[in-house]
Amino acid sequence: MIVNQVPDGWETIYQRSHALLAAQLGGHWKRSHAPLRLYETIAAISHHDDLEKEWKGSHLTEVGAPLDFTLGKESPEVSEALKKHLDESRYRGRWVAMLTSMHACYLNQSKKELSEDWRSFLETQSRNQEQWQKDLNITKEEAEFAYGFMQFCDRLSLILVQRQVPEDGRALEINHGMDNQRYDLRCLANGNLTVEPWNFVDDEFTVNVESCHLSELKYESDEALIDALKQAPIKVLTWTFTKQK
């Protein structure tokens, strides 16, 4: 989960909801600047966090607060859940499987020296990616461009749901993964957001995500947290993006 502390408790956003927000952002992208197989790329974006199951495992900190995904512990072994997530991505086709594999490698590249299990896993994924690129008749550069687009959508969505939009019109770098082009996010004087350079289809569009509000600061068990989440009031968060004149 993405967990933000608010004055009257916690704002929680499921990671699969964040992924759907990322896909919404990708859907507004200008086709002339889009990667190959755009719709399959958006499918990969919308499902890239399917690994996260909010009703399973432990989602509390040591003091009983809802656990933000950034506070998860590293394991010396590759989880069966991650392996299953990558295997299941193949059912959406090789393009989706390739991007999902690239994302898993990006997130876990620092773990290569953690154990032989991680080293073997990451090397296997790299070989799989090379084979899929060959089978799909695409270049490594075309695959990297598509993944750079996926990273852009993922990062921009995370900035929004983690409430990291800077104030006073200051620019925040989103990423520079597509052709090494840097993209920045800024908040305009009217509260709308803009991205520079602007490569969206429309001059203005709105995206949204659902959040759950938890009023208790801590919970006795994961079961208590799950029950609270299922009964929590839901709020729709929206952001309007506008092309800067």
C-alpha atoms as a PDB file:
ATOM      1  CA  MET A   1       0.000   0.000   0.000  1.00  0.00           C
ATOM      2  CA  ILE A   2       0.914   3.658  -0.351  1.00  0.00           C
ATOM      3  CA  VAL A   3       0.359   5.216   3.065  1.00  0.00           C
ATOM      4  CA  ASN A   4       0.257   8.974   3.707  1.00  0.00           C
ATOM      5  CA  GLN A   5      -0.252  10.438   7.149  1.00  0.00           C
ATOM      6  CA  VAL A   6      -3.006  13.062   7.217  1.00  0.00           C
ATOM      7  CA  PRO A   7      -4.200  15.215  10.138  1.00  0.00           C
ATOM      8  CA  ASP A   8      -7.028  12.832  11.059  1.00  0.00           C
ATOM      9  CA  GLY A   9      -5.406   9.458  10.386  1.00  0.00           C
ATOM     10  CA  TRP A  10      -4.037   7.706   7.292  1.00  0.00           C
ATOM     11  CA  GLU A  11      -4.681   8.013   3.589  1.00  0.00           C
ATOM     12  CA  THR A  12      -4.085   4.624   1.962  1.00  0.00           C
ATOM     13  CA  ILE A  13      -3.954   3.829  -1.735  1.00  0.00           C
ATOM     14  CA  TYR A  14      -3.664   0.292  -3.038  1.00  0.00           C
ATOM     15  CA  GLN A  15      -0.688  -0.261  -5.300  1.00  0.00           C
ATOM     16  CA  ARG A  16      -2.890  -1.745  -7.999  1.00  0.00           C
ATOM     17  CA  SER A  17      -4.907   1.494  -7.932  1.00  0.00           C
ATOM     18  CA  HIS A  18      -1.642   3.406  -8.375  1.00  0.00           C
ATOM     19  CA  ALA A  19      -0.882   1.169 -11.379  1.00  0.00           C
ATOM     20  CA  LEU A  20      -4.277   1.988 -12.878  1.00  0.00           C
ATOM     21  CA  LEU A  21      -3.536   5.705 -12.415  1.00  0.00           C
ATOM     22  CA  ALA A  22      -0.221   5.183 -14.218  1.00  0.00           C
ATOM     23  CA  ALA A  23      -2.111   3.519 -17.084  1.00  0.00           C
ATOM     24  CA  GLN A  24      -4.526   6.472 -17.252  1.00  0.00           C
ATOM     25  CA  LEU A  25      -1.554   8.807 -17.681  1.00  0.00           C
ATOM     26  CA  GLY A  26      -0.163   6.599 -20.432  1.00  0.00           C
ATOM     27  CA  GLY A  27      -3.506   6.580 -22.219  1.00  0.00           C
ATOM     28  CA  HIS A  28      -3.323  10.368 -22.664  1.00  0.00           C
ATOM     29  CA  TRP A  29       0.129  10.251 -24.283  1.00  0.00           C
ATOM     30  CA  LYS A  30       0.605  11.602 -27.811  1.00  0.00           C
ATOM     31  CA  ARG A  31       0.745   8.721 -30.294  1.00  0.00           C
ATOM     32  CA  SER A  32       3.579  10.279 -32.302  1.00  0.00           C
ATOM     33  CA  HIS A  33       5.817  10.059 -29.210  1.00  0.00           C
ATOM     34  CA  ALA A  34       4.532   6.706 -27.958  1.00  0.00           C
ATOM     35  CA  PRO A  35       6.397   3.391 -27.897  1.00  0.00           C
ATOM     36  CA  LEU A  36       5.637   0.483 -30.188  1.00  0.00           C
ATOM     37  CA  ARG A  37       2.550  -1.556 -29.286  1.00  0.00           C
ATOM     38  CA  LEU A  38       1.145   1.188 -27.088  1.00  0.00           C
ATOM     39  CA  TYR A  39      -1.946  -0.682 -25.901  1.00  0.00           C
ATOM     40  CA  GLU A  40       0.081  -3.683 -24.795  1.00  0.00           C
ATOM     41  CA  THR A  41       2.475  -1.307 -23.040  1.00  0.00           C
ATOM     42  CA  ILE A  42      -0.442   0.283 -21.187  1.00  0.00           C
ATOM     43  CA  ALA A  43      -1.641  -3.217 -20.244  1.00  0.00           C
ATOM     44  CA  ALA A  44       1.786  -3.912 -18.734  1.00  0.00           C
ATOM     45  CA  ILE A  45       1.634  -0.614 -16.842  1.00  0.00           C
ATOM     46  CA  SER A  46      -1.841  -1.310 -15.460  1.00  0.00           C
ATOM     47  CA  HIS A  47      -0.798  -4.739 -14.179  1.00  0.00           C
ATOM     48  CA  HIS A  48       2.774  -4.022 -13.047  1.00  0.00           C
ATOM     49  CA  ASP A  49       1.817  -4.029  -9.356  1.00  0.00           C
ATOM     50  CA  ASP A  50      -0.418  -7.108  -9.443  1.00  0.00           C
ATOM     51  CA  LEU A  51       2.185  -8.768  -7.222  1.00  0.00           C
ATOM     52  CA  GLU A  52       0.901  -6.745  -4.274  1.00  0.00           C
ATOM     53  CA  LYS A  53      -1.975  -8.435  -2.415  1.00  0.00           C
ATOM     54  CA  GLU A  54      -3.283  -6.118   0.272  1.00  0.00           C
ATOM     55  CA  TRP A  55      -5.269  -8.876   1.972  1.00  0.00           C
ATOM     56  CA  LYS A  56      -2.244 -11.176   2.331  1.00  0.00           C
ATOM     57  CA  GLY A  57       0.904 -11.004   4.462  1.00  0.00           C
ATOM     58  CA  SER A  58       1.832  -8.445   7.079  1.00  0.00           C
ATOM     59  CA  HIS A  59       0.984  -4.806   6.433  1.00  0.00           C
ATOM     60  CA  LEU A  60       1.739  -3.271   9.826  1.00  0.00           C
ATOM     61  CA  THR A  61       4.842  -1.588  11.191  1.00  0.00           C
ATOM     62  CA  GLU A  62       6.327  -2.703  14.515  1.00  0.00           C
ATOM     63  CA  VAL A  63       4.173  -0.133  16.318  1.00  0.00           C
ATOM     64  CA  GLY A  64       0.970  -1.168  14.525  1.00  0.00           C
ATOM     65  CA  ALA A  65       0.702   1.591  11.916  1.00  0.00           C
ATOM     66  CA  PRO A  66      -0.269   0.764   8.302  1.00  0.00           C
ATOM     67  CA  LEU A  67       2.913  -0.202   6.448  1.00  0.00           C
ATOM     68  CA  ASP A  68       3.926   1.883   3.442  1.00  0.00           C
ATOM     69  CA  PHE A  69       5.371  -0.231   0.603  1.00  0.00           C
ATOM     70  CA  THR A  70       8.716   1.590   0.809  1.00  0.00           C
ATOM     71  CA  LEU A  71       9.300   0.147   4.293  1.00  0.00           C
ATOM     72  CA  GLY A  72       9.173  -3.510   3.249  1.00  0.00           C
ATOM     73  CA  LYS A  73      12.083  -5.743   4.256  1.00  0.00           C
ATOM     74  CA  GLU A  74      14.504  -7.250   1.741  1.00  0.00           C
ATOM     75  CA  SER A  75      14.791 -11.013   1.494  1.00  0.00           C
ATOM     76  CA  PRO A  76      17.911 -12.969   0.451  1.00  0.00           C
ATOM     77  CA  GLU A  77      15.632 -15.245  -1.582  1.00  0.00           C
ATOM     78  CA  VAL A  78      13.449 -14.494  -4.575  1.00  0.00           C
ATOM     79  CA  SER A  79       9.840 -14.812  -3.472  1.00  0.00           C
ATOM     80  CA  GLU A  80       7.579 -17.379  -5.056  1.00  0.00           C
ATOM     81  CA  ALA A  81       5.036 -14.581  -5.458  1.00  0.00           C
ATOM     82  CA  LEU A  82       7.421 -12.627  -7.708  1.00  0.00           C
ATOM     83  CA  LYS A  83       8.166 -15.713  -9.799  1.00  0.00           C
ATOM     84  CA  LYS A  84       4.432 -16.389 -10.155  1.00  0.00           C
ATOM     85  CA  HIS A  85       3.776 -12.746 -11.063  1.00  0.00           C
ATOM     86  CA  LEU A  86       6.304 -12.942 -13.910  1.00  0.00           C
ATOM     87  CA  ASP A  87       5.018 -16.314 -15.087  1.00  0.00           C
ATOM     88  CA  GLU A  88       1.432 -15.052 -15.169  1.00  0.00           C
ATOM     89  CA  SER A  89       2.440 -11.965 -17.144  1.00  0.00           C
ATOM     90  CA  ARG A  90       3.164 -14.291 -20.077  1.00  0.00           C
ATOM     91  CA  TYR A  91      -0.560 -14.923 -20.441  1.00  0.00           C
ATOM     92  CA  ARG A  92      -0.863 -11.336 -21.691  1.00  0.00           C
ATOM     93  CA  GLY A  93       1.750 -11.946 -24.371  1.00  0.00           C
ATOM     94  CA  ARG A  94       5.497 -11.636 -24.800  1.00  0.00           C
ATOM     95  CA  TRP A  95       5.465  -7.833 -24.959  1.00  0.00           C
ATOM     96  CA  VAL A  96       3.794  -7.539 -21.560  1.00  0.00           C
ATOM     97  CA  ALA A  97       6.026 -10.298 -20.171  1.00  0.00           C
ATOM     98  CA  MET A  98       9.146  -8.487 -21.414  1.00  0.00           C
ATOM     99  CA  LEU A  99       8.201  -5.148 -19.844  1.00  0.00           C
ATOM    100  CA  THR A 100       7.141  -6.817 -16.587  1.00  0.00           C
ATOM    101  CA  SER A 101      10.485  -8.637 -16.481  1.00  0.00           C
ATOM    102  CA  MET A 102      12.398  -5.416 -17.183  1.00  0.00           C
ATOM    103  CA  HIS A 103      10.537  -3.726 -14.335  1.00  0.00           C
ATOM    104  CA  ALA A 104      11.336  -6.559 -11.923  1.00  0.00           C
ATOM    105  CA  CYS A 105      15.023  -6.317 -12.853  1.00  0.00           C
ATOM    106  CA  TYR A 106      15.035  -2.534 -12.420  1.00  0.00           C
ATOM    107  CA  LEU A 107      13.472  -2.745  -8.957  1.00  0.00           C
ATOM    108  CA  ASN A 108      15.750  -5.556  -7.786  1.00  0.00           C
ATOM    109  CA  GLN A 109      19.042  -4.901  -9.584  1.00  0.00           C
ATOM    110  CA  SER A 110      20.772  -3.933  -6.320  1.00  0.00           C
ATOM    111  CA  LYS A 111      20.064  -7.429  -4.929  1.00  0.00           C
ATOM    112  CA  LYS A 112      22.303  -9.230  -7.413  1.00  0.00           C
ATOM    113  CA  GLU A 113      25.072  -9.502  -4.831  1.00  0.00           C
ATOM    114  CA  LEU A 114      22.645 -10.334  -2.012  1.00  0.00           C
ATOM    115  CA  SER A 115      22.524 -14.046  -2.807  1.00  0.00           C
ATOM    116  CA  GLU A 116      23.086 -16.607  -5.543  1.00  0.00           C
ATOM    117  CA  ASP A 117      19.291 -16.944  -5.788  1.00  0.00           C
ATOM    118  CA  TRP A 118      18.909 -13.302  -6.773  1.00  0.00           C
ATOM    119  CA  ARG A 119      21.901 -13.449  -9.142  1.00  0.00           C
ATOM    120  CA  SER A 120      20.469 -16.464 -10.963  1.00  0.00           C
ATOM    121  CA  PHE A 121      17.000 -14.928 -11.103  1.00  0.00           C
ATOM    122  CA  LEU A 122      18.202 -11.621 -12.578  1.00  0.00           C
ATOM    123  CA  GLU A 123      20.470 -13.310 -15.125  1.00  0.00           C
ATOM    124  CA  THR A 124      17.588 -15.555 -16.214  1.00  0.00           C
ATOM    125  CA  GLN A 125      15.342 -12.523 -16.655  1.00  0.00           C
ATOM    126  CA  SER A 126      17.979 -10.793 -18.801  1.00  0.00           C
ATOM    127  CA  ARG A 127      18.204 -13.849 -21.050  1.00  0.00           C
ATOM    128  CA  ASN A 128      14.417 -14.009 -21.293  1.00  0.00           C
ATOM    129  CA  GLN A 129      14.279 -10.354 -22.310  1.00  0.00           C
ATOM    130  CA  GLU A 130      16.846 -10.877 -25.054  1.00  0.00           C
ATOM    131  CA  GLN A 131      14.909 -13.863 -26.394  1.00  0.00           C
ATOM    132  CA  TRP A 132      11.592 -11.991 -26.357  1.00  0.00           C
ATOM    133  CA  GLN A 133      13.159  -9.043 -28.196  1.00  0.00           C
ATOM    134  CA  LYS A 134      14.454 -11.443 -30.836  1.00  0.00           C
ATOM    135  CA  ASP A 135      11.097 -13.220 -31.124  1.00  0.00           C
ATOM    136  CA  LEU A 136       9.225  -9.891 -31.340  1.00  0.00           C
ATOM    137  CA  ASN A 137      11.677  -8.620 -33.974  1.00  0.00           C
ATOM    138  CA  ILE A 138      12.483  -5.449 -32.055  1.00  0.00           C
ATOM    139  CA  THR A 139      15.771  -3.827 -31.096  1.00  0.00           C
ATOM    140  CA  LYS A 140      17.077  -3.425 -27.580  1.00  0.00           C
ATOM    141  CA  GLU A 141      16.660   0.338 -28.011  1.00  0.00           C
ATOM    142  CA  GLU A 142      12.964  -0.043 -28.901  1.00  0.00           C
ATOM    143  CA  ALA A 143      12.433  -2.216 -25.830  1.00  0.00           C
ATOM    144  CA  GLU A 144      14.258   0.290 -23.626  1.00  0.00           C
ATOM    145  CA  PHE A 145      12.169   3.154 -25.027  1.00  0.00           C
ATOM    146  CA  ALA A 146       8.967   1.270 -24.192  1.00  0.00           C
ATOM    147  CA  TYR A 147      10.219   0.547 -20.697  1.00  0.00           C
ATOM    148  CA  GLY A 148      11.278   4.198 -20.291  1.00  0.00           C
ATOM    149  CA  PHE A 149       7.670   5.143 -21.070  1.00  0.00           C
ATOM    150  CA  MET A 150       6.456   2.625 -18.484  1.00  0.00           C
ATOM    151  CA  GLN A 151       8.856   4.130 -15.929  1.00  0.00           C
ATOM    152  CA  PHE A 152       7.609   7.634 -16.757  1.00  0.00           C
ATOM    153  CA  CYS A 153       3.981   6.671 -16.113  1.00  0.00           C
ATOM    154  CA  ASP A 154       4.874   4.730 -12.964  1.00  0.00           C
ATOM    155  CA  ARG A 155       7.011   7.526 -11.540  1.00  0.00           C
ATOM    156  CA  LEU A 156       4.492  10.275 -12.308  1.00  0.00           C
ATOM    157  CA  SER A 157       1.708   8.250 -10.691  1.00  0.00           C
ATOM    158  CA  LEU A 158       3.854   7.668  -7.589  1.00  0.00           C
ATOM    159  CA  ILE A 159       4.623  11.388  -7.303  1.00  0.00           C
ATOM    160  CA  LEU A 160       0.889  12.064  -7.268  1.00  0.00           C
ATOM    161  CA  VAL A 161      -0.204   9.363  -4.819  1.00  0.00           C
ATOM    162  CA  GLN A 162       2.718  10.035  -2.465  1.00  0.00           C
ATOM    163  CA  ARG A 163       1.837  13.741  -2.447  1.00  0.00           C
ATOM    164  CA  GLN A 164       5.281  14.794  -3.665  1.00  0.00           C
ATOM    165  CA  VAL A 165       4.176  17.556  -6.037  1.00  0.00           C
ATOM    166  CA  PRO A 166       6.415  20.557  -5.211  1.00  0.00           C
ATOM    167  CA  GLU A 167       4.940  23.890  -4.199  1.00  0.00           C
ATOM    168  CA  ASP A 168       5.550  27.415  -5.515  1.00  0.00           C
ATOM    169  CA  GLY A 169       5.841  26.340  -9.142  1.00  0.00           C
ATOM    170  CA  ARG A 170       9.118  24.512  -8.598  1.00  0.00           C
ATOM    171  CA  ALA A 171       9.984  21.774 -11.087  1.00  0.00           C
ATOM    172  CA  LEU A 172      10.420  18.147 -10.069  1.00  0.00           C
ATOM    173  CA  GLU A 173      12.119  15.719 -12.441  1.00  0.00           C
ATOM    174  CA  ILE A 174       9.885  12.781 -13.355  1.00  0.00           C
ATOM    175  CA  ASN A 175      12.479  10.826 -15.310  1.00  0.00           C
ATOM    176  CA  HIS A 176      14.554  10.878 -18.474  1.00  0.00           C
ATOM    177  CA  GLY A 177      14.078   7.330 -19.707  1.00  0.00           C
ATOM    178  CA  MET A 178      12.742   7.987 -23.225  1.00  0.00           C
ATOM    179  CA  ASP A 179      15.548   8.962 -25.620  1.00  0.00           C
ATOM    180  CA  ASN A 180      17.274  10.502 -22.582  1.00  0.00           C
ATOM    181  CA  GLN A 181      14.700  13.339 -22.618  1.00  0.00           C
ATOM    182  CA  ARG A 182      14.145  14.876 -19.192  1.00  0.00           C
ATOM    183  CA  TYR A 183      10.509  15.419 -18.135  1.00  0.00           C
ATOM    184  CA  ASP A 184       9.562  17.760 -15.280  1.00  0.00           C
ATOM    185  CA  LEU A 185       6.358  18.181 -13.263  1.00  0.00           C
ATOM    186  CA  ARG A 186       5.214  21.576 -12.001  1.00  0.00           C
ATOM    187  CA  CYS A 187       2.157  22.903 -10.185  1.00  0.00           C
ATOM    188  CA  LEU A 188       0.590  25.962 -11.827  1.00  0.00           C
ATOM    189  CA  ALA A 189      -0.804  28.993 -10.005  1.00  0.00           C
ATOM    190  CA  ASN A 190      -4.387  27.711 -10.438  1.00  0.00           C
ATOM    191  CA  GLY A 191      -3.572  24.347  -8.833  1.00  0.00           C
ATOM    192  CA  ASN A 192      -3.453  22.383 -12.067  1.00  0.00           C
ATOM    193  CA  LEU A 193      -0.327  20.453 -13.012  1.00  0.00           C
ATOM    194  CA  THR A 194       1.826  20.562 -16.112  1.00  0.00           C
ATOM    195  CA  VAL A 195       4.558  18.389 -17.579  1.00  0.00           C
ATOM    196  CA  GLU A 196       7.456  19.871 -19.543  1.00  0.00           C
ATOM    197  CA  PRO A 197       7.908  19.092 -22.362  1.00  0.00           C
ATOM    198  CA  TRP A 198       4.213  18.431 -23.046  1.00  0.00           C
ATOM    199  CA  ASN A 199       3.646  15.263 -25.095  1.00  0.00           C
ATOM    200  CA  PHE A 200       0.015  14.490 -24.264  1.00  0.00           C
ATOM    201  CA  VAL A 201      -2.774  14.334 -26.856  1.00  0.00           C
ATOM    202  CA  ASP A 202      -5.041  16.975 -25.292  1.00  0.00           C
ATOM    203  CA  ASP A 203      -4.172  20.391 -23.907  1.00  0.00           C
ATOM    204  CA  GLU A 204      -6.011  19.470 -20.694  1.00  0.00           C
ATOM    205  CA  PHE A 205      -7.125  16.221 -19.068  1.00  0.00           C
ATOM    206  CA  THR A 206      -7.995  14.841 -15.632  1.00  0.00           C
ATOM    207  CA  VAL A 207      -6.970  11.571 -13.959  1.00  0.00           C
ATOM    208  CA  ASN A 208      -8.094  10.032 -10.686  1.00  0.00           C
ATOM    209  CA  VAL A 209      -7.472   7.344  -8.089  1.00  0.00           C
ATOM    210  CA  GLU A 210      -9.450   6.033  -5.113  1.00  0.00           C
ATOM    211  CA  SER A 211      -8.062   6.266  -1.584  1.00  0.00           C
ATOM    212  CA  CYS A 212      -9.243   4.790   1.724  1.00  0.00           C
ATOM    213  CA  HIS A 213      -9.289   6.857   4.899  1.00  0.00           C
ATOM    214  CA  LEU A 214      -8.266   5.181   8.164  1.00  0.00           C
ATOM    215  CA  SER A 215      -9.045   7.117  11.343  1.00  0.00           C
ATOM    216  CA  GLU A 216      -7.128   4.912  13.792  1.00  0.00           C
ATOM    217  CA  LEU A 217      -3.400   5.541  14.052  1.00  0.00           C
ATOM    218  CA  LYS A 218      -2.520   1.918  14.886  1.00  0.00           C
ATOM    219  CA  TYR A 219      -4.050  -1.550  14.747  1.00  0.00           C
ATOM    220  CA  GLU A 220      -3.685  -4.646  16.908  1.00  0.00           C
ATOM    221  CA  SER A 221      -3.390  -7.093  14.000  1.00  0.00           C
ATOM    222  CA  ASP A 222      -3.394  -7.425  10.229  1.00  0.00           C
ATOM    223  CA  GLU A 223      -6.931  -8.760  10.444  1.00  0.00           C
ATOM    224  CA  ALA A 224      -8.016  -5.573  12.237  1.00  0.00           C
ATOM    225  CA  LEU A 225      -6.342  -3.474   9.529  1.00  0.00           C
ATOM    226  CA  ILE A 226      -7.993  -5.467   6.743  1.00  0.00           C
ATOM    227  CA  ASP A 227     -11.410  -5.072   8.344  1.00  0.00           C
ATOM    228  CA  ALA A 228     -10.813  -1.338   8.727  1.00  0.00           C
ATOM    229  CA  LEU A 229      -9.778  -1.013   5.071  1.00  0.00           C
ATOM    230  CA  LYS A 230     -12.859  -2.867   3.867  1.00  0.00           C
ATOM    231  CA  GLN A 231     -15.108  -0.500   5.832  1.00  0.00           C
ATOM    232  CA  ALA A 232     -13.115   2.693   5.281  1.00  0.00           C
ATOM    233  CA  PRO A 233     -14.669   5.715   3.558  1.00  0.00           C
ATOM    234  CA  ILE A 234     -13.459   6.020  -0.038  1.00  0.00           C
ATOM    235  CA  LYS A 235     -12.373   9.325  -1.509  1.00  0.00           C
ATOM    236  CA  VAL A 236     -11.637   9.993  -5.171  1.00  0.00           C
ATOM    237  CA  LEU A 237      -8.456  12.019  -5.659  1.00  0.00           C
ATOM    238  CA  THR A 238      -8.225  13.935  -8.934  1.00  0.00           C
ATOM    239  CA  TRP A 239      -5.503  15.859 -10.733  1.00  0.00           C
ATOM    240  CA  THR A 240      -5.971  18.067 -13.775  1.00  0.00           C
ATOM    241  CA  PHE A 241      -3.040  18.495 -16.167  1.00  0.00           C
ATOM    242  CA  THR A 242      -2.865  21.561 -18.401  1.00  0.00           C
ATOM    243  CA  LYS A 243      -0.479  22.433 -21.206  1.00  0.00           C
ATOM    244  CA  GLN A 244       1.514  25.526 -20.316  1.00  0.00           C
ATOM    245  CA  LYS A 245       0.976  28.261 -22.907  1.00  0.00           C
END
